Amino acid sequence: MQHLSLLGRLLLIERADGPTDVRDKVLGDWIDETQVPDGIGNLSFESDPIAVSLVRTLNVCRDIFRNDPTIDETNGVQELKIEYFIISVVMLVRHLRKYYVFGKDQHEVF
């Protein structure tokens, strides 16, 4: 369930349009506030602007790290196993996408 917690924290950041409180209590409160009766199997949140923006940012992150020379065939990128590091990288990529020209030419430099 750690991956869902991480995704929830990233959504909180996207919803706040930047740094915000991502503690378990805040995440739990947001989950409670947004519960819907048909929540399981309901994919309507996928079209929410918050979700769309986060998916775009995560796709850029995937493109950046896809061919990273530090990838270990069995363990992936070691640095991307630490939650606070993942959040930091995603926030940085989000900021770069939002305020700068950050296309494929810049991904390799990043």
N, C-alpha and C. Protein backbone atom coordinates (compact mmCIF):
# COMPACT_ATOMS: atom_id res chain seq x y z
N MET A 1 0.81 -1.20 0.00
CA MET A 1 0.00 0.00 0.00
C MET A 1 0.85 1.27 0.00
N GLN A 2 2.18 1.11 0.09
CA GLN A 2 3.04 2.29 0.09
C GLN A 2 2.91 3.08 -1.21
N HIS A 3 2.72 2.39 -2.31
CA HIS A 3 2.60 3.09 -3.59
C HIS A 3 1.34 3.95 -3.64
N LEU A 4 0.27 3.51 -3.00
CA LEU A 4 -0.96 4.32 -2.95
C LEU A 4 -0.78 5.53 -2.05
N SER A 5 -0.06 5.35 -0.97
CA SER A 5 0.24 6.47 -0.08
C SER A 5 1.08 7.52 -0.81
N LEU A 6 2.09 7.06 -1.53
CA LEU A 6 2.93 7.97 -2.29
C LEU A 6 2.11 8.70 -3.35
N LEU A 7 1.27 7.99 -4.06
CA LEU A 7 0.41 8.61 -5.07
C LEU A 7 -0.50 9.65 -4.43
N GLY A 8 -1.07 9.33 -3.27
CA GLY A 8 -1.92 10.28 -2.56
C GLY A 8 -1.17 11.54 -2.17
N ARG A 9 0.05 11.39 -1.70
CA ARG A 9 0.86 12.55 -1.33
C ARG A 9 1.17 13.42 -2.55
N LEU A 10 1.48 12.77 -3.67
CA LEU A 10 1.74 13.53 -4.89
C LEU A 10 0.48 14.26 -5.36
N LEU A 11 -0.67 13.64 -5.19
CA LEU A 11 -1.93 14.31 -5.54
C LEU A 11 -2.19 15.51 -4.63
N LEU A 12 -1.86 15.38 -3.35
CA LEU A 12 -2.02 16.52 -2.43
C LEU A 12 -1.15 17.70 -2.89
N ILE A 13 0.05 17.42 -3.31
CA ILE A 13 0.96 18.46 -3.78
C ILE A 13 0.40 19.10 -5.04
N GLU A 14 -0.09 18.28 -5.94
CA GLU A 14 -0.66 18.80 -7.19
C GLU A 14 -1.91 19.64 -6.89
N ARG A 15 -2.74 19.15 -5.99
CA ARG A 15 -3.96 19.87 -5.63
C ARG A 15 -3.64 21.24 -5.02
N ALA A 16 -2.57 21.30 -4.22
CA ALA A 16 -2.17 22.56 -3.57
C ALA A 16 -1.36 23.44 -4.52
N ASP A 17 -1.04 22.94 -5.69
CA ASP A 17 -0.23 23.65 -6.67
C ASP A 17 1.16 23.98 -6.14
N GLY A 18 1.70 23.05 -5.37
CA GLY A 18 3.04 23.22 -4.84
C GLY A 18 3.19 22.59 -3.47
N PRO A 19 4.25 22.92 -2.76
CA PRO A 19 4.52 22.32 -1.46
C PRO A 19 3.35 22.47 -0.51
N THR A 20 3.08 21.42 0.24
CA THR A 20 1.98 21.42 1.19
C THR A 20 2.22 20.33 2.23
N ASP A 21 1.38 20.28 3.21
CA ASP A 21 1.44 19.26 4.25
C ASP A 21 0.98 17.93 3.67
N VAL A 22 1.81 16.90 3.75
CA VAL A 22 1.46 15.59 3.20
C VAL A 22 1.49 14.49 4.27
N ARG A 23 1.33 14.90 5.51
CA ARG A 23 1.32 13.90 6.60
C ARG A 23 0.16 12.92 6.44
N ASP A 24 0.26 11.77 7.10
CA ASP A 24 -0.77 10.74 7.03
C ASP A 24 -2.15 11.29 7.40
N LYS A 25 -2.22 12.13 8.41
CA LYS A 25 -3.51 12.70 8.86
C LYS A 25 -4.15 13.52 7.74
N VAL A 26 -3.37 14.36 7.09
CA VAL A 26 -3.89 15.20 6.02
C VAL A 26 -4.35 14.33 4.85
N LEU A 27 -3.55 13.34 4.51
CA LEU A 27 -3.92 12.43 3.43
C LEU A 27 -5.20 11.67 3.78
N GLY A 28 -5.27 11.18 4.99
CA GLY A 28 -6.47 10.46 5.44
C GLY A 28 -7.71 11.33 5.42
N ASP A 29 -7.57 12.57 5.85
CA ASP A 29 -8.71 13.50 5.83
C ASP A 29 -9.18 13.75 4.41
N TRP A 30 -8.23 13.94 3.48
CA TRP A 30 -8.61 14.18 2.08
C TRP A 30 -9.31 12.96 1.49
N ILE A 31 -8.81 11.77 1.82
CA ILE A 31 -9.45 10.54 1.33
C ILE A 31 -10.88 10.47 1.87
N ASP A 32 -11.05 10.75 3.16
CA ASP A 32 -12.40 10.72 3.75
C ASP A 32 -13.33 11.74 3.10
N GLU A 33 -12.81 12.92 2.79
CA GLU A 33 -13.62 13.97 2.17
C GLU A 33 -14.05 13.63 0.76
N THR A 34 -13.26 12.86 0.07
CA THR A 34 -13.53 12.62 -1.34
C THR A 34 -14.14 11.24 -1.62
N GLN A 35 -14.50 10.52 -0.58
CA GLN A 35 -15.12 9.21 -0.76
C GLN A 35 -16.44 9.34 -1.52
N VAL A 36 -16.70 8.43 -2.43
CA VAL A 36 -17.97 8.37 -3.14
C VAL A 36 -18.50 6.94 -3.05
N PRO A 37 -19.82 6.78 -3.06
CA PRO A 37 -20.39 5.43 -2.88
C PRO A 37 -19.90 4.39 -3.87
N ASP A 38 -19.69 4.79 -5.11
CA ASP A 38 -19.25 3.83 -6.12
C ASP A 38 -17.76 3.97 -6.41
N GLY A 39 -16.99 4.32 -5.40
CA GLY A 39 -15.57 4.62 -5.57
C GLY A 39 -14.75 3.51 -6.19
N ILE A 40 -14.99 2.27 -5.80
CA ILE A 40 -14.22 1.15 -6.36
C ILE A 40 -14.74 0.89 -7.77
N GLY A 41 -13.84 0.98 -8.71
CA GLY A 41 -14.22 0.77 -10.10
C GLY A 41 -14.65 2.05 -10.81
N ASN A 42 -14.82 3.14 -10.08
CA ASN A 42 -15.19 4.41 -10.69
C ASN A 42 -13.90 5.11 -11.12
N LEU A 43 -13.75 5.31 -12.40
CA LEU A 43 -12.51 5.88 -12.93
C LEU A 43 -12.66 7.36 -13.29
N SER A 44 -13.68 8.01 -12.80
CA SER A 44 -13.95 9.39 -13.18
C SER A 44 -12.84 10.35 -12.74
N PHE A 45 -12.12 10.03 -11.67
CA PHE A 45 -11.06 10.92 -11.20
C PHE A 45 -9.93 11.04 -12.21
N GLU A 46 -9.81 10.06 -13.11
CA GLU A 46 -8.75 10.10 -14.12
C GLU A 46 -8.85 11.34 -15.01
N SER A 47 -10.04 11.91 -15.14
CA SER A 47 -10.20 13.09 -15.99
C SER A 47 -10.13 14.40 -15.19
N ASP A 48 -9.96 14.29 -13.89
CA ASP A 48 -9.82 15.49 -13.04
C ASP A 48 -8.51 16.20 -13.42
N PRO A 49 -8.52 17.53 -13.53
CA PRO A 49 -7.30 18.26 -13.91
C PRO A 49 -6.10 17.97 -13.01
N ILE A 50 -6.34 17.71 -11.73
CA ILE A 50 -5.24 17.37 -10.81
C ILE A 50 -4.60 16.06 -11.23
N ALA A 51 -5.41 15.06 -11.50
CA ALA A 51 -4.90 13.75 -11.89
C ALA A 51 -4.21 13.82 -13.24
N VAL A 52 -4.80 14.53 -14.19
CA VAL A 52 -4.21 14.65 -15.53
C VAL A 52 -2.84 15.30 -15.45
N SER A 53 -2.73 16.37 -14.68
CA SER A 53 -1.44 17.06 -14.54
C SER A 53 -0.39 16.17 -13.88
N LEU A 54 -0.79 15.45 -12.83
CA LEU A 54 0.16 14.57 -12.16
C LEU A 54 0.62 13.45 -13.09
N VAL A 55 -0.29 12.88 -13.85
CA VAL A 55 0.10 11.81 -14.79
C VAL A 55 1.08 12.35 -15.81
N ARG A 56 0.87 13.55 -16.29
CA ARG A 56 1.82 14.15 -17.25
C ARG A 56 3.20 14.29 -16.61
N THR A 57 3.24 14.77 -15.38
CA THR A 57 4.52 14.93 -14.69
C THR A 57 5.19 13.58 -14.48
N LEU A 58 4.42 12.57 -14.08
CA LEU A 58 4.99 11.24 -13.86
C LEU A 58 5.49 10.64 -15.17
N ASN A 59 4.80 10.91 -16.27
CA ASN A 59 5.27 10.43 -17.57
C ASN A 59 6.60 11.08 -17.94
N VAL A 60 6.76 12.36 -17.63
CA VAL A 60 8.05 13.02 -17.88
C VAL A 60 9.13 12.37 -17.02
N CYS A 61 8.82 12.10 -15.76
CA CYS A 61 9.79 11.43 -14.87
C CYS A 61 10.19 10.07 -15.45
N ARG A 62 9.21 9.33 -15.93
CA ARG A 62 9.51 8.03 -16.54
C ARG A 62 10.44 8.19 -17.74
N ASP A 63 10.14 9.17 -18.58
CA ASP A 63 10.99 9.41 -19.76
C ASP A 63 12.41 9.78 -19.35
N ILE A 64 12.54 10.59 -18.30
CA ILE A 64 13.86 11.01 -17.84
C ILE A 64 14.68 9.82 -17.35
N PHE A 65 14.06 8.95 -16.57
CA PHE A 65 14.81 7.85 -15.94
C PHE A 65 14.79 6.56 -16.74
N ARG A 66 14.08 6.53 -17.85
CA ARG A 66 13.93 5.30 -18.64
C ARG A 66 15.28 4.67 -19.00
N ASN A 67 16.22 5.46 -19.45
CA ASN A 67 17.52 4.93 -19.89
C ASN A 67 18.65 5.40 -18.98
N ASP A 68 18.34 5.66 -17.75
CA ASP A 68 19.35 6.16 -16.81
C ASP A 68 20.47 5.14 -16.64
N PRO A 69 21.72 5.58 -16.71
CA PRO A 69 22.84 4.64 -16.59
C PRO A 69 22.97 4.00 -15.20
N THR A 70 22.28 4.53 -14.20
CA THR A 70 22.38 3.95 -12.87
C THR A 70 21.37 2.83 -12.63
N ILE A 71 20.58 2.50 -13.64
CA ILE A 71 19.57 1.45 -13.47
C ILE A 71 20.26 0.10 -13.30
N ASP A 72 19.90 -0.56 -12.23
CA ASP A 72 20.36 -1.92 -11.95
C ASP A 72 19.26 -2.86 -12.45
N GLU A 73 19.62 -3.84 -13.24
CA GLU A 73 18.63 -4.74 -13.85
C GLU A 73 17.70 -5.40 -12.83
N THR A 74 18.19 -5.68 -11.64
CA THR A 74 17.36 -6.36 -10.65
C THR A 74 16.72 -5.40 -9.64
N ASN A 75 17.33 -4.23 -9.43
CA ASN A 75 16.83 -3.34 -8.39
C ASN A 75 16.33 -1.98 -8.89
N GLY A 76 16.44 -1.70 -10.17
CA GLY A 76 16.01 -0.41 -10.69
C GLY A 76 16.97 0.70 -10.28
N VAL A 77 16.44 1.90 -10.10
CA VAL A 77 17.23 3.05 -9.67
C VAL A 77 17.13 3.12 -8.14
N GLN A 78 18.24 2.88 -7.46
CA GLN A 78 18.24 2.81 -6.01
C GLN A 78 17.66 4.06 -5.34
N GLU A 79 18.01 5.23 -5.88
CA GLU A 79 17.53 6.48 -5.27
C GLU A 79 16.01 6.60 -5.32
N LEU A 80 15.38 5.92 -6.28
CA LEU A 80 13.93 6.02 -6.42
C LEU A 80 13.19 5.01 -5.53
N LYS A 81 13.86 4.53 -4.52
CA LYS A 81 13.21 3.65 -3.54
C LYS A 81 12.91 4.40 -2.25
N ILE A 82 13.32 5.64 -2.18
CA ILE A 82 13.14 6.44 -0.97
C ILE A 82 12.04 7.46 -1.25
N GLU A 83 10.97 7.40 -0.45
CA GLU A 83 9.77 8.20 -0.73
C GLU A 83 10.05 9.70 -0.79
N TYR A 84 10.79 10.23 0.17
CA TYR A 84 11.01 11.68 0.16
C TYR A 84 11.82 12.11 -1.06
N PHE A 85 12.70 11.23 -1.56
CA PHE A 85 13.47 11.54 -2.76
C PHE A 85 12.56 11.55 -3.98
N ILE A 86 11.67 10.58 -4.06
CA ILE A 86 10.71 10.53 -5.17
C ILE A 86 9.86 11.78 -5.18
N ILE A 87 9.34 12.16 -4.02
CA ILE A 87 8.50 13.37 -3.92
C ILE A 87 9.30 14.59 -4.35
N SER A 88 10.55 14.68 -3.92
CA SER A 88 11.40 15.82 -4.29
C SER A 88 11.63 15.89 -5.80
N VAL A 89 11.92 14.75 -6.41
CA VAL A 89 12.16 14.71 -7.85
C VAL A 89 10.89 15.08 -8.62
N VAL A 90 9.77 14.52 -8.21
CA VAL A 90 8.50 14.83 -8.89
C VAL A 90 8.16 16.30 -8.74
N MET A 91 8.38 16.87 -7.56
CA MET A 91 8.11 18.29 -7.36
C MET A 91 9.02 19.16 -8.24
N LEU A 92 10.27 18.77 -8.36
CA LEU A 92 11.20 19.51 -9.20
C LEU A 92 10.79 19.43 -10.67
N VAL A 93 10.46 18.25 -11.14
CA VAL A 93 10.02 18.08 -12.53
C VAL A 93 8.73 18.86 -12.76
N ARG A 94 7.83 18.81 -11.81
CA ARG A 94 6.56 19.57 -11.91
C ARG A 94 6.86 21.06 -12.06
N HIS A 95 7.75 21.57 -11.23
CA HIS A 95 8.11 22.99 -11.28
C HIS A 95 8.75 23.35 -12.63
N LEU A 96 9.67 22.52 -13.09
CA LEU A 96 10.33 22.78 -14.37
C LEU A 96 9.34 22.76 -15.53
N ARG A 97 8.41 21.81 -15.51
CA ARG A 97 7.38 21.74 -16.56
C ARG A 97 6.51 22.99 -16.55
N LYS A 98 6.21 23.46 -15.38
CA LYS A 98 5.26 24.57 -15.24
C LYS A 98 5.88 25.93 -15.60
N TYR A 99 7.13 26.15 -15.23
CA TYR A 99 7.71 27.48 -15.35
C TYR A 99 8.83 27.64 -16.38
N TYR A 100 9.29 26.54 -16.97
CA TYR A 100 10.41 26.61 -17.89
C TYR A 100 10.13 25.75 -19.12
N VAL A 101 10.93 25.98 -20.15
CA VAL A 101 10.90 25.07 -21.29
C VAL A 101 11.62 23.81 -20.82
N PHE A 102 10.89 22.72 -20.78
CA PHE A 102 11.48 21.49 -20.25
C PHE A 102 11.03 20.33 -21.14
N GLY A 103 11.64 20.27 -22.32
CA GLY A 103 11.32 19.23 -23.28
C GLY A 103 12.34 18.12 -23.24
N LYS A 104 12.25 17.24 -24.21
CA LYS A 104 13.14 16.07 -24.27
C LYS A 104 14.61 16.45 -24.31
N ASP A 105 14.93 17.61 -24.91
CA ASP A 105 16.33 18.03 -24.97
C ASP A 105 16.88 18.31 -23.56
N GLN A 106 16.04 18.76 -22.66
CA GLN A 106 16.48 19.07 -21.30
C GLN A 106 16.46 17.83 -20.39
N HIS A 107 15.72 16.79 -20.77
CA HIS A 107 15.62 15.60 -19.92
C HIS A 107 16.98 14.95 -19.69
N GLU A 108 17.78 14.86 -20.74
CA GLU A 108 19.08 14.21 -20.59
C GLU A 108 19.98 14.99 -19.65
N VAL A 109 19.93 16.32 -19.74
CA VAL A 109 20.73 17.16 -18.86
C VAL A 109 20.27 16.99 -17.41
N PHE A 110 18.96 16.91 -17.23
CA PHE A 110 18.40 16.74 -15.89
C PHE A 110 18.93 15.46 -15.27
